[in-house]
Protein backbone atom coordinates (compact mmCIF):
# COMPACT_ATOMS: atom_id res chain seq x y z
CA MET A 1 23.34 -46.35 -96.24
CA LYS A 2 25.47 -47.71 -99.10
CA GLN A 3 25.03 -51.03 -100.79
CA ARG A 4 28.09 -53.26 -100.62
CA LYS A 5 28.74 -56.67 -102.12
CA THR A 6 32.28 -57.49 -100.99
CA LEU A 7 32.81 -60.78 -99.13
CA PHE A 8 34.40 -60.85 -95.67
CA PHE A 9 36.36 -63.37 -93.69
CA CYS A 10 38.30 -63.06 -90.49
CA LYS A 11 41.80 -64.33 -89.88
CA ILE A 12 41.92 -66.47 -86.78
CA ALA A 13 44.79 -65.36 -84.59
CA VAL A 14 46.36 -66.35 -81.30
CA PHE A 15 46.68 -63.47 -78.88
CA VAL A 16 49.40 -63.20 -76.24
CA PHE A 17 48.88 -61.26 -73.03
CA LEU A 18 51.10 -58.20 -73.03
CA SER A 19 53.35 -57.45 -70.11
CA PRO A 20 52.68 -53.97 -68.67
CA VAL A 21 55.27 -51.31 -69.48
CA LYS A 22 56.21 -49.19 -66.50
CA GLY A 23 56.69 -45.46 -66.36
CA GLU A 24 55.00 -42.44 -67.86
CA ASP A 25 53.91 -44.37 -70.95
CA PHE A 26 50.76 -45.42 -69.13
CA PHE A 27 47.47 -43.78 -68.21
CA THR A 28 45.25 -45.42 -65.59
CA TYR A 29 41.66 -44.69 -64.70
CA THR A 30 39.22 -46.32 -62.29
CA SER A 31 35.59 -46.11 -63.31
CA SER A 32 32.68 -45.41 -60.98
CA GLY A 33 32.05 -49.17 -60.90
CA GLY A 34 35.54 -49.94 -59.59
CA ILE A 35 37.01 -51.15 -62.91
CA THR A 36 40.58 -49.97 -63.56
CA TYR A 37 41.76 -49.41 -67.14
CA THR A 38 45.40 -49.13 -68.19
CA ILE A 39 46.15 -47.44 -71.50
CA CYS A 40 49.55 -47.33 -73.14
CA GLU A 41 50.92 -46.24 -76.53
CA GLN A 42 49.41 -49.39 -78.03
CA GLY A 43 45.96 -48.61 -76.63
CA ILE A 44 44.09 -50.51 -73.92
CA SER A 45 46.61 -52.88 -72.37
CA GLN A 46 44.84 -54.09 -69.23
CA ILE A 47 41.49 -54.03 -67.42
CA ASN A 48 41.33 -54.93 -63.73
CA LEU A 49 38.78 -55.47 -61.00
CA GLY A 50 40.83 -54.91 -57.87
CA GLU A 51 43.78 -57.32 -58.11
CA LYS A 52 42.01 -59.51 -60.66
CA THR A 53 42.95 -59.00 -64.30
CA LEU A 54 39.86 -59.17 -66.52
CA ALA A 55 41.48 -58.42 -69.88
CA LYS A 56 44.87 -57.87 -71.50
CA GLY A 57 45.95 -56.98 -74.98
CA LYS A 58 46.21 -53.92 -77.18
CA TRP A 59 43.98 -51.70 -79.31
CA LEU A 60 45.50 -51.10 -82.73
CA PHE A 61 44.14 -50.32 -86.18
CA GLU A 62 44.47 -52.40 -89.32
CA PRO A 63 42.84 -52.14 -92.78
CA VAL A 64 41.53 -55.62 -93.56
CA ASP A 65 40.46 -55.48 -97.20
CA TRP A 66 42.89 -58.35 -97.82
CA MET A 67 40.62 -60.56 -95.74
CA PHE A 68 37.99 -60.37 -98.47
CA ILE A 69 40.09 -62.08 -101.09
CA LYS A 70 40.01 -65.86 -100.89
CA GLY A 71 43.54 -66.91 -100.11
CA GLY A 72 44.48 -63.27 -99.55
CA ARG A 73 47.49 -62.45 -97.41
CA ARG A 74 48.04 -59.73 -94.91
CA ASP A 75 50.08 -56.80 -96.19
CA SER A 76 53.50 -57.44 -94.70
CA SER A 77 54.43 -53.79 -95.15
CA TRP A 78 51.69 -52.69 -92.76
CA GLN A 79 53.18 -51.97 -89.36
CA LEU A 80 53.06 -49.58 -86.44
CA LEU A 81 55.97 -47.15 -86.83
CA SER A 82 55.54 -44.91 -83.80
CA ALA A 83 53.04 -44.00 -81.09
CA LYS A 84 52.55 -41.32 -78.46
CA LEU A 85 50.28 -41.01 -75.42
CA GLN A 86 49.03 -37.62 -74.20
CA LYS A 87 46.88 -37.10 -71.13
CA GLN A 88 44.20 -34.50 -71.91
CA ALA A 89 42.15 -34.49 -68.71
CA GLU A 90 41.66 -36.56 -65.57
CA ASN A 91 39.23 -38.75 -67.53
CA SER A 92 40.66 -38.50 -71.05
CA VAL A 93 43.77 -39.55 -72.95
CA LEU A 94 44.81 -39.31 -76.61
CA VAL A 95 46.90 -42.03 -78.26
CA SER A 96 48.45 -41.08 -81.62
CA GLN A 97 49.72 -43.94 -83.79
CA VAL A 98 51.63 -43.69 -87.05
CA TYR A 99 51.44 -46.69 -89.38
CA SER A 100 53.08 -47.39 -92.72
CA GLY A 101 49.93 -46.25 -94.53
CA ALA A 102 47.85 -44.22 -92.09
CA LYS A 103 47.72 -42.05 -89.02
CA VAL A 104 45.22 -42.99 -86.32
CA TYR A 105 44.16 -40.98 -83.31
CA PHE A 106 42.41 -42.81 -80.47
CA ARG A 107 40.68 -40.63 -77.93
CA TYR A 108 39.71 -42.56 -74.77
CA THR A 109 37.18 -40.78 -72.53
CA PHE A 110 35.72 -42.18 -69.33
CA LYS A 111 32.22 -41.32 -68.09
CA GLY A 112 30.77 -43.23 -65.16
CA GLU A 113 31.15 -46.91 -66.03
CA ASP A 114 31.70 -46.28 -69.72
CA LEU A 115 34.78 -45.96 -71.87
CA TYR A 116 34.15 -43.98 -75.08
CA ILE A 117 36.62 -44.77 -77.87
CA GLU A 118 36.80 -42.34 -80.76
CA SER A 119 39.05 -43.48 -83.60
CA ARG A 120 40.03 -41.05 -86.35
CA VAL A 121 41.71 -42.80 -89.27
CA GLU A 122 43.61 -40.73 -91.84
CA ASN A 123 44.26 -42.83 -94.93
CA GLU A 124 47.57 -41.77 -96.45
CA GLY A 125 47.51 -44.45 -99.13
CA GLU A 126 46.48 -44.24 -102.77
CA LYS A 127 43.63 -46.74 -102.39
CA PRO A 128 40.49 -46.56 -100.26
CA ILE A 129 40.25 -48.66 -97.13
CA GLY A 130 37.02 -50.62 -97.25
CA PHE A 131 37.16 -52.48 -93.96
CA SER A 132 38.73 -51.43 -90.67
CA ARG A 133 39.58 -53.57 -87.68
CA PHE A 134 40.31 -52.30 -84.18
CA GLY A 135 41.61 -54.51 -81.37
CA HIS A 136 42.55 -56.90 -79.85
CA LEU A 137 41.67 -57.53 -76.20
CA THR A 138 41.54 -60.94 -74.57
CA PHE A 139 38.94 -61.23 -71.81
CA ASP A 140 39.15 -63.95 -69.18
CA PHE A 141 35.59 -64.53 -67.91
CA GLN A 142 36.68 -67.36 -65.55
CA ALA A 143 33.85 -69.44 -67.07
CA ASN A 144 32.10 -69.88 -70.40
CA PRO A 145 30.41 -66.48 -70.90
CA GLU A 146 26.81 -66.00 -72.00
CA GLY A 147 25.23 -63.23 -74.02
CA ILE A 148 25.19 -61.86 -77.55
CA MET A 149 28.76 -62.57 -78.66
CA PRO A 150 29.05 -62.87 -82.47
CA VAL A 151 31.53 -65.52 -83.50
CA TRP A 152 31.99 -67.54 -86.71
CA HIS A 153 34.62 -69.85 -88.14
CA ILE A 154 36.70 -68.45 -90.98
CA SER A 155 35.12 -70.81 -93.53
CA TYR A 156 31.67 -69.49 -92.65
CA LEU A 157 32.74 -65.87 -92.74
CA GLN A 158 34.21 -66.32 -96.21
CA VAL A 159 30.81 -67.07 -97.74
CA THR A 160 28.56 -64.83 -95.64
CA GLY A 161 30.50 -61.58 -96.00
CA TYR A 162 28.30 -58.66 -95.12
CA GLY A 163 25.84 -61.11 -93.58
CA CYS A 164 28.07 -61.07 -90.50
CA PHE A 165 27.81 -57.32 -90.08
CA HIS A 166 24.84 -55.62 -88.49
CA PRO A 167 22.14 -55.36 -89.66
CA SER A 168 21.65 -58.92 -90.89
CA HIS A 169 20.08 -62.25 -90.04
CA LEU A 170 23.37 -63.34 -88.46
CA ASN A 171 23.87 -60.08 -86.57
CA ARG A 172 20.42 -58.81 -85.63
CA ILE A 173 21.52 -56.50 -82.81
CA ALA A 174 24.53 -54.22 -83.23
CA GLY A 175 25.23 -54.08 -79.51
CA SER A 176 26.98 -56.95 -77.77
CA TYR A 177 26.94 -58.13 -74.18
CA SER A 178 28.71 -60.92 -72.34
CA ALA A 179 28.42 -62.10 -68.75
CA GLY A 180 31.06 -64.20 -67.01
CA LYS A 181 31.69 -65.24 -63.42
CA ASP A 182 32.28 -61.86 -61.76
CA PHE A 183 31.69 -59.25 -64.45
CA GLY A 184 30.01 -58.43 -67.73
CA VAL A 185 30.94 -56.46 -70.85
CA GLY A 186 28.61 -54.28 -72.89
CA LEU A 187 29.61 -52.93 -76.31
CA SER A 188 27.91 -50.45 -78.58
CA PRO A 189 28.63 -48.43 -81.71
CA SER A 190 28.34 -44.73 -81.05
CA GLY A 191 28.14 -41.43 -82.87
CA ARG A 192 25.45 -39.99 -85.13
CA GLN A 193 25.86 -42.23 -88.18
CA PHE A 194 24.38 -45.64 -88.89
CA ILE A 195 27.10 -47.86 -90.35
CA ARG A 196 27.79 -51.57 -90.69
CA THR A 197 29.61 -52.86 -87.63
CA LEU A 198 30.64 -56.13 -86.00
CA PHE A 199 31.93 -56.92 -82.52
CA LEU A 200 33.71 -60.23 -83.07
CA TRP A 201 34.41 -62.47 -80.07
CA ASP A 202 36.81 -65.12 -81.32
CA LEU A 203 37.04 -68.52 -79.63
CA PRO A 204 40.29 -69.68 -78.03
CA ASP A 205 40.39 -73.00 -79.94
CA TRP A 206 38.24 -73.82 -82.98
CA GLY A 207 39.16 -77.48 -82.56
CA LYS A 208 37.40 -77.46 -79.18
CA GLN A 209 34.35 -75.25 -79.66
CA GLU A 210 32.92 -76.21 -76.28
CA ILE A 211 35.73 -74.18 -74.67
CA LYS A 212 34.48 -70.60 -74.81
CA ASN A 213 36.89 -68.83 -72.50
CA PRO A 214 38.98 -66.71 -72.82
CA ARG A 215 37.53 -64.68 -75.69
CA HIS A 216 39.36 -62.40 -78.09
CA LEU A 217 37.55 -59.16 -78.97
CA CYS A 218 37.93 -56.93 -82.00
CA TYR A 219 35.69 -54.28 -83.55
CA LEU A 220 35.15 -54.27 -87.32
CA VAL A 221 33.62 -51.50 -89.41
CA ALA A 222 32.52 -51.94 -93.03
CA GLU A 223 32.62 -48.30 -94.06
CA PRO A 224 35.09 -47.03 -96.68
CA ILE A 225 37.79 -44.48 -95.98
CA PRO A 226 38.71 -42.77 -99.27
CA ALA A 227 42.29 -42.47 -100.43
CA GLU A 228 43.90 -39.47 -98.77
CA GLY A 229 40.69 -39.06 -96.79
CA ALA A 230 39.66 -39.60 -93.19
CA ARG A 231 36.82 -41.14 -91.18
CA THR A 232 35.99 -41.15 -87.50
CA PHE A 233 34.45 -44.21 -85.84
CA GLN A 234 33.08 -44.38 -82.31
CA MET A 235 32.16 -47.09 -79.84
CA VAL A 236 31.40 -47.52 -76.13
CA MET A 237 32.68 -50.22 -73.80
CA ARG A 238 31.05 -50.86 -70.43
CA VAL A 239 32.76 -53.32 -68.07
CA SER A 240 30.70 -53.81 -64.93
CA THR A 241 30.12 -56.09 -61.96
CA ARG A 242 26.41 -55.76 -62.85
CA LYS A 243 25.83 -58.54 -65.35
CA ASP A 244 22.18 -58.07 -66.41
CA TRP A 245 21.83 -57.40 -70.12
CA GLN A 246 19.73 -54.25 -69.70
CA HIS A 247 22.55 -52.60 -67.76
CA LEU A 248 25.28 -53.77 -70.10
CA LEU A 249 23.36 -52.69 -73.21
CA GLN A 250 22.19 -49.33 -71.85
CA PRO A 251 24.71 -47.37 -74.00
CA TYR A 252 23.40 -49.22 -77.04
CA GLN A 253 19.81 -48.36 -76.16
CA GLU A 254 20.76 -44.67 -75.95
CA TYR A 255 22.63 -44.84 -79.28
CA PHE A 256 19.78 -46.71 -80.98
CA GLN A 257 17.03 -44.37 -79.84
CA ARG A 258 19.13 -41.34 -80.72
CA LEU A 259 19.48 -42.57 -84.30
CA PHE A 260 16.05 -44.09 -84.93
CA GLY A 261 13.65 -42.60 -82.42
CA GLN A 262 10.25 -44.13 -81.80
CA VAL A 263 8.42 -46.91 -83.61
CA LYS A 264 7.02 -45.68 -86.92
CA TYR A 265 3.75 -47.67 -86.97
CA VAL A 266 0.72 -48.17 -84.75
CA ALA A 267 0.56 -51.72 -83.45
CA ASP A 268 -2.63 -53.72 -82.97
CA TYR A 269 -1.90 -56.63 -80.64
CA ARG A 270 -5.17 -58.47 -81.19
CA LEU A 271 -5.06 -61.88 -82.84
CA LEU A 272 -5.03 -62.37 -86.60
CA ALA A 273 -6.50 -65.21 -88.62
CA VAL A 274 -4.20 -66.73 -91.23
CA SER A 275 -5.49 -68.41 -94.39
CA HIS A 276 -3.29 -70.31 -96.86
CA VAL A 277 -5.51 -70.47 -99.92
CA ASN A 278 -3.12 -71.82 -102.58
CA ARG A 279 -2.34 -75.52 -102.63
CA ASN A 280 0.18 -76.95 -105.15
CA VAL A 281 0.90 -77.45 -108.84
CA GLU A 282 -0.65 -80.92 -108.77
CA SER A 283 -3.99 -79.33 -107.83
CA ILE A 284 -4.17 -77.35 -111.08
CA SER A 285 -6.89 -78.71 -113.36
CA PRO A 286 -9.58 -77.40 -115.73
CA GLU A 287 -11.92 -77.29 -112.72
CA ASN A 288 -9.29 -75.61 -110.51
CA PRO A 289 -7.10 -73.59 -112.92
CA TYR A 290 -5.19 -71.71 -110.20
CA GLY A 291 -4.46 -74.59 -107.82
CA PHE A 292 -6.42 -73.29 -104.82
CA HIS A 293 -7.46 -75.37 -101.82
CA PRO A 294 -11.10 -76.46 -102.09
CA GLY A 295 -14.13 -75.03 -100.29
CA PHE A 296 -13.93 -71.61 -98.65
CA ARG A 297 -10.39 -71.09 -99.99
CA ARG A 298 -11.55 -71.06 -103.62
CA LEU A 299 -11.32 -67.28 -103.93
CA ASP A 300 -11.68 -67.60 -107.70
CA LEU A 301 -15.30 -68.71 -107.18
CA VAL A 302 -18.17 -66.56 -105.96
CA SER A 303 -19.35 -69.42 -103.75
CA GLY A 304 -15.88 -69.89 -102.28
CA THR A 305 -15.44 -66.18 -101.61
CA ASN A 306 -18.82 -65.97 -99.89
CA ALA A 307 -17.97 -69.03 -97.79
CA PHE A 308 -14.64 -67.43 -96.86
CA CYS A 309 -16.38 -64.32 -95.54
CA ASP A 310 -19.18 -66.33 -93.86
CA LEU A 311 -16.61 -68.43 -91.99
CA LEU A 312 -14.12 -65.79 -90.87
CA VAL A 313 -16.03 -62.55 -90.34
CA PRO A 314 -18.33 -63.86 -87.54
CA ALA A 315 -15.49 -65.83 -85.95
CA LEU A 316 -13.16 -62.82 -85.91
CA LYS A 317 -15.87 -60.63 -84.43
CA LYS A 318 -16.58 -63.21 -81.72
CA ALA A 319 -12.88 -63.56 -80.90
CA ASN A 320 -12.31 -59.78 -81.07
CA GLY A 321 -9.63 -60.39 -83.68
CA GLN A 322 -8.33 -57.66 -85.94
CA GLY A 323 -8.55 -59.40 -89.32
CA VAL A 324 -7.06 -61.98 -91.67
CA LEU A 325 -3.79 -62.45 -93.55
CA ILE A 326 -4.16 -64.37 -96.81
CA TRP A 327 -1.25 -66.40 -98.20
CA GLY A 328 -1.25 -67.41 -101.87
CA GLN A 329 -3.87 -64.98 -103.17
CA THR A 330 -2.29 -65.26 -106.65
CA GLY A 331 -3.01 -68.98 -106.71
CA THR A 332 -0.35 -71.58 -107.47
CA ASP A 333 1.85 -70.48 -110.34
CA PRO A 334 3.33 -73.44 -112.25
CA ARG A 335 6.39 -71.26 -112.98
CA GLY A 336 7.27 -71.26 -109.27
CA ALA A 337 8.84 -68.36 -107.33
CA MET A 338 6.30 -68.80 -104.54
CA TYR A 339 5.34 -66.76 -102.75
CA ARG A 340 5.24 -64.49 -105.79
CA PRO A 341 7.05 -61.13 -105.84
CA ASP A 342 4.32 -59.96 -108.24
CA PHE A 343 1.83 -60.44 -105.42
CA ASP A 344 -0.64 -57.93 -106.85
CA VAL A 345 -1.16 -59.86 -110.11
CA LEU A 346 -4.35 -61.66 -109.10
CA PRO A 347 -6.24 -64.12 -111.29
CA PRO A 348 -9.06 -62.15 -112.97
CA GLU A 349 -11.76 -64.00 -111.03
CA VAL A 350 -9.99 -63.38 -107.71
CA GLU A 351 -9.59 -59.68 -108.47
CA THR A 352 -13.31 -59.45 -109.25
CA ASN A 353 -14.25 -61.28 -106.05
CA TRP A 354 -11.96 -59.15 -103.90
CA ALA A 355 -14.62 -56.47 -103.69
CA THR A 356 -16.77 -58.97 -101.77
CA ILE A 357 -13.96 -59.65 -99.29
CA ASP A 358 -13.28 -55.95 -98.85
CA ARG A 359 -16.94 -55.05 -98.33
CA ASN A 360 -17.62 -57.80 -95.78
CA PHE A 361 -14.49 -57.18 -93.72
CA ARG A 362 -14.64 -53.39 -93.90
CA GLU A 363 -18.31 -53.29 -92.81
CA ALA A 364 -17.38 -55.53 -89.85
CA GLY A 365 -14.51 -53.23 -88.86
CA LEU A 366 -11.91 -55.88 -89.72
CA ARG A 367 -8.63 -55.82 -91.60
CA HIS A 368 -7.75 -58.02 -94.53
CA GLY A 369 -4.40 -58.31 -96.26
CA VAL A 370 -2.06 -60.52 -98.20
CA CYS A 371 1.34 -62.15 -98.43
CA THR A 372 3.94 -60.10 -100.31
CA ARG A 373 7.59 -60.56 -101.26
CA PRO A 374 8.96 -57.03 -101.30
CA GLY A 375 12.69 -57.71 -101.50
CA GLU A 376 12.67 -59.44 -104.88
CA ILE A 377 11.60 -59.23 -108.53
CA ALA A 378 10.51 -62.28 -110.55
CA VAL A 379 12.55 -63.08 -113.66
CA ARG A 380 12.37 -65.86 -116.26
CA ILE A 381 15.01 -68.56 -115.76
CA ASN A 382 13.85 -70.75 -118.66
CA TRP A 383 10.66 -71.45 -120.62
CA LYS A 384 8.99 -73.17 -117.67
CA LYS A 385 10.54 -71.70 -114.56
CA ASP A 386 10.82 -68.29 -112.86
CA GLY A 387 13.45 -67.18 -110.42
CA THR A 388 14.02 -63.96 -108.47
CA VAL A 389 16.60 -61.22 -108.14
CA ARG A 390 16.96 -58.84 -105.23
CA ILE A 391 15.57 -55.34 -105.46
CA ASN A 392 18.17 -52.59 -105.43
CA PRO A 393 17.00 -50.11 -102.77
CA ASP A 394 19.14 -47.38 -104.32
CA ASP A 395 17.30 -47.69 -107.64
CA SER A 396 14.22 -45.47 -107.65
CA TRP A 397 12.73 -47.47 -110.56
CA HIS A 398 12.84 -50.64 -108.46
CA LEU A 399 11.26 -48.91 -105.48
CA ASN A 400 8.52 -47.29 -107.53
CA LEU A 401 7.66 -50.63 -109.16
CA LEU A 402 7.41 -52.19 -105.71
CA TRP A 403 5.25 -49.38 -104.39
CA GLN A 404 2.85 -49.71 -107.33
CA ARG A 405 2.22 -53.30 -106.26
CA PHE A 406 1.47 -52.30 -102.68
CA GLN A 407 -0.63 -49.36 -103.84
CA LYS A 408 -2.83 -51.65 -105.94
CA MET A 409 -3.53 -53.95 -102.99
CA ILE A 410 -4.16 -50.98 -100.69
CA ASN A 411 -6.64 -49.69 -103.27
CA LEU A 412 -8.35 -53.09 -103.02
CA GLY A 413 -8.76 -52.49 -99.29
CA CYS A 414 -5.71 -54.28 -97.84
CA THR A 415 -4.36 -52.77 -94.63
CA VAL A 416 -2.11 -55.61 -93.40
CA PHE A 417 0.77 -57.31 -95.20
CA TYR A 418 3.06 -60.26 -94.56
CA LEU A 419 6.56 -59.62 -95.96
CA ASP A 420 7.93 -62.96 -97.12
CA SER A 421 11.69 -63.63 -97.47
CA PHE A 422 12.39 -60.15 -96.15
CA GLY A 423 13.81 -58.26 -93.22
CA ASN A 424 17.30 -59.47 -92.41
CA SER A 425 19.60 -57.25 -94.46
CA TRP A 426 20.87 -53.70 -94.81
CA GLU A 427 19.04 -53.49 -98.14
CA ASP A 428 15.75 -54.67 -96.62
CA VAL A 429 15.96 -51.97 -93.96
CA LYS A 430 16.29 -49.33 -96.68
CA ILE A 431 13.33 -50.78 -98.59
CA MET A 432 11.22 -50.84 -95.43
CA GLN A 433 12.08 -47.24 -94.61
CA PHE A 434 10.79 -46.31 -98.07
CA LEU A 435 7.62 -48.40 -97.71
CA ARG A 436 6.80 -47.06 -94.25
CA GLU A 437 7.12 -43.49 -95.44
CA LYS A 438 4.72 -44.28 -98.29
CA MET A 439 2.26 -46.31 -96.22
CA GLY A 440 2.05 -44.14 -93.14
CA PRO A 441 1.69 -45.56 -89.61
CA GLU A 442 -1.72 -47.27 -89.87
CA ILE A 443 -0.80 -50.05 -92.31
CA GLN A 444 0.29 -53.25 -90.52
CA THR A 445 3.34 -55.14 -91.83
CA PHE A 446 5.06 -58.28 -90.52
CA ALA A 447 8.48 -59.31 -91.86
CA GLU A 448 9.50 -62.96 -91.98
CA HIS A 449 12.99 -62.06 -90.78
CA GLN A 450 14.02 -59.22 -88.55
CA CYS A 451 16.78 -57.18 -86.98
CA ASP A 452 16.47 -54.43 -84.41
CA VAL A 453 16.52 -51.59 -86.95
CA LEU A 454 13.82 -53.15 -89.11
CA MET A 455 11.56 -53.38 -86.05
CA VAL A 456 11.38 -49.58 -86.00
CA TYR A 457 9.58 -49.66 -89.35
CA SER A 458 7.76 -53.01 -89.38
CA GLY A 459 6.35 -55.63 -87.10
CA ALA A 460 7.87 -59.11 -87.24
CA TYR A 461 6.67 -62.61 -87.98
CA THR A 462 8.15 -65.74 -86.48
CA GLU A 463 7.26 -69.39 -86.38
CA THR A 464 7.13 -71.13 -83.02
CA ASP A 465 8.07 -74.79 -82.54
CA PHE A 466 7.22 -77.07 -79.66
CA TYR A 467 10.00 -79.26 -78.29
CA GLU A 468 9.61 -82.01 -75.76
CA LYS A 469 12.69 -82.24 -73.54
CA GLY A 470 15.22 -84.60 -75.08
CA LYS A 471 14.10 -84.04 -78.68
CA ALA A 472 17.06 -81.73 -79.32
CA SER A 473 20.39 -81.34 -77.54
CA TRP A 474 19.88 -77.63 -76.87
CA VAL A 475 16.36 -78.01 -75.39
CA LYS A 476 16.55 -77.51 -71.62
CA GLU A 477 12.84 -77.89 -70.91
CA THR A 478 9.62 -78.94 -72.59
CA ASN A 479 8.21 -75.75 -74.04
CA TYR A 480 7.46 -73.58 -77.05
CA TYR A 481 10.42 -71.95 -78.81
CA PRO A 482 9.94 -68.97 -81.17
CA ARG A 483 12.53 -69.08 -83.93
CA ALA A 484 13.23 -65.36 -83.60
CA GLY A 485 14.52 -66.02 -80.07
CA LEU A 486 12.85 -64.79 -76.90
CA ARG A 487 15.91 -62.81 -75.78
CA ASN A 488 16.05 -61.04 -79.13
CA TRP A 489 12.35 -60.23 -78.80
CA GLU A 490 12.89 -58.88 -75.28
CA ILE A 491 15.66 -56.64 -76.57
CA TYR A 492 13.59 -55.40 -79.52
CA GLN A 493 10.79 -54.35 -77.15
CA TRP A 494 13.29 -52.66 -74.86
CA LEU A 495 14.97 -50.79 -77.71
CA VAL A 496 11.75 -49.82 -79.51
CA PRO A 497 8.71 -49.70 -77.19
CA GLY A 498 5.52 -50.35 -79.14
CA VAL A 499 6.91 -52.94 -81.58
CA GLN A 500 4.87 -55.99 -82.55
CA MET A 501 5.56 -59.64 -83.33
CA VAL A 502 3.09 -62.25 -84.59
CA SER A 503 3.54 -66.00 -84.54
CA ARG A 504 1.88 -69.33 -85.17
CA LEU A 505 2.61 -72.83 -83.93
CA TYR A 506 4.60 -74.58 -86.64
CA ASP A 507 6.51 -77.81 -85.89
CA ILE A 508 5.80 -80.12 -82.95
CA HIS A 509 8.74 -82.25 -81.85
CA GLY A 510 7.38 -84.88 -79.52
CA THR A 511 4.01 -84.78 -77.77
CA ILE A 512 2.50 -81.73 -76.10
CA PRO A 513 1.58 -82.85 -72.55
CA LYS A 514 -1.88 -82.00 -71.26
CA ASP A 515 -0.43 -79.86 -68.46
CA VAL A 516 1.41 -77.54 -70.90
CA LEU A 517 -0.35 -74.24 -71.40
CA PRO A 518 -2.08 -73.55 -74.74
CA VAL A 519 0.23 -71.96 -77.28
CA GLU A 520 -1.91 -68.79 -77.42
CA ARG A 521 -1.36 -68.23 -73.69
CA PHE A 522 2.38 -68.70 -74.22
CA PHE A 523 2.20 -66.04 -76.94
CA TYR A 524 0.32 -63.57 -74.76
CA ASP A 525 2.65 -64.22 -71.83
CA HIS A 526 5.47 -62.99 -74.07
CA ARG A 527 3.47 -60.18 -75.70
CA ILE A 528 3.32 -61.98 -79.04
CA THR A 529 0.19 -61.68 -81.21
CA PRO A 530 -1.25 -65.11 -82.12
CA LEU A 531 -1.84 -66.13 -85.72
CA VAL A 532 -4.77 -68.55 -85.71
CA ALA A 533 -5.46 -70.95 -88.59
CA ASP A 534 -8.67 -70.07 -90.45
CA TYR A 535 -10.32 -73.48 -89.94
CA ARG A 536 -9.60 -73.47 -86.18
CA LEU A 537 -10.82 -69.97 -85.42
CA PRO A 538 -14.60 -70.64 -85.22
CA GLU A 539 -14.22 -73.41 -82.65
CA ARG A 540 -11.74 -71.41 -80.51
CA ALA A 541 -13.25 -67.94 -80.83
CA ASP A 542 -14.90 -67.82 -77.38
CA PHE A 543 -11.78 -69.13 -75.62
CA LEU A 544 -9.51 -66.70 -77.49
CA ARG A 545 -11.67 -63.69 -76.72
CA VAL A 546 -11.65 -64.41 -72.98
CA LEU A 547 -7.92 -65.13 -73.05
CA GLN A 548 -7.16 -61.96 -74.97
CA GLU A 549 -9.15 -59.86 -72.50
CA GLU A 550 -6.77 -61.01 -69.72
CA TYR A 551 -3.85 -59.35 -71.48
CA LEU A 552 -5.11 -56.42 -73.54
CA GLU A 553 -6.78 -53.09 -72.94
CA GLY A 554 -8.15 -51.87 -76.25
CA THR A 555 -6.04 -52.76 -79.26
CA ASN A 556 -2.47 -51.85 -78.35
CA ARG A 557 -2.08 -51.64 -74.58
CA TRP A 558 -0.85 -54.55 -72.50
CA LYS A 559 -2.29 -55.08 -69.01
CA LYS A 560 0.75 -56.99 -67.77
């Protein structure tokens, strides 16, 4: 994977349905699901279900580096000069297109319900092509479609750039699916390479965002084609009368598992205690030099450390929990940058007392671990304030520095880590691949952000909010709502069996009615591991143990 920093924005265009051209310039094929495709010299021109037209348009190539310059203009010299269609088999056709700066060969192959599109681009120019766009097709879903359909306004795309391409926080799943009135569409990258991709479903009218049909589809790839060089890109399109997401995304599941295989860590689905021990800058005083919370969270004191172990070890054993995650183990740093990227730099008293934590938890068969910030390095901004810069995953010095921090905490007995401000970028995936290889499968990690690829190498963390109906326009019913999204979580589990997500109740909007199930049962119903606040665990330990036994067999097998 290559690090890129170029910004991206998409030109909003109006697409006109093409009129079919008659004669031998067309190739037609009806899939096993009864969908008929028409391909002409300009690519896919029409998709039908019986007499009903589902999509019209064309499938052309265009380099779109100009889109990444604010105020940039499309190259007026770029145009399609000639094209030729050649039938190669009953289920395959080759479309050759000659442009003013490239030759492109589209091979369309039909298998079952799927259309495989292989695009070979030969760059005949003197400059590399950084970004490629293929399309466009306009789909009429006869209703506002639902699914994973990435779409952003041009002003948003201008500032997010690569954040719109998978993998990222904005594009967590590379596959796309959409379900309309009578049919659905599933899209997937294909091939044996992992590259940055984006299926963009443009809206028909940005002045009326509530109108979401028809939708204009194009496929973007952020992978350079060198000058006088060539690259081949592949994708799969499934148009089907079966509209469930598992069916539409099946080609993506096959592609994903072929590239990434099985989960690379051993999950433990039992509950975790969570302890936020640091407080704030205002708490710093001669009596509390590191700004810790009082009582059992004073890990800089022998008495506080003993109280911490005396509170949590028996409660975790009673609840059959797996251990504790500690936030703020470095104390409150008046220079900021919390939670600290130098998470292994403990106050001297805390580092001395850590042996007590390790001994008590290890002898009880429990995990303990800490909050980390693995995607960043702390730097001085001025005399009083620190900031951060992102780690370069292609710099071995950066990676080795990061690993030294983890290695120190592992040497102190830590076997579980929270990964703060981490998990939603191409760079974070590369860092996590490195860390997982170093850690091995037994170390637990939970990233604050996630995408499907990251889930192969790390568990995820999400916060869950409660909304009473009417407290937000999008809330359809009174319930708990994980910020990661339940559909995303379903897809992660489907793509990578054995993945893990942990969560805690965060914001409460409204009042939780007495007849609403406890949040821990909601978590278990959705195969999410509960994070339980340290001070609440002793009083809820018996309830949580019984509840957990309803759902788990051992540590990582679900009963239902």
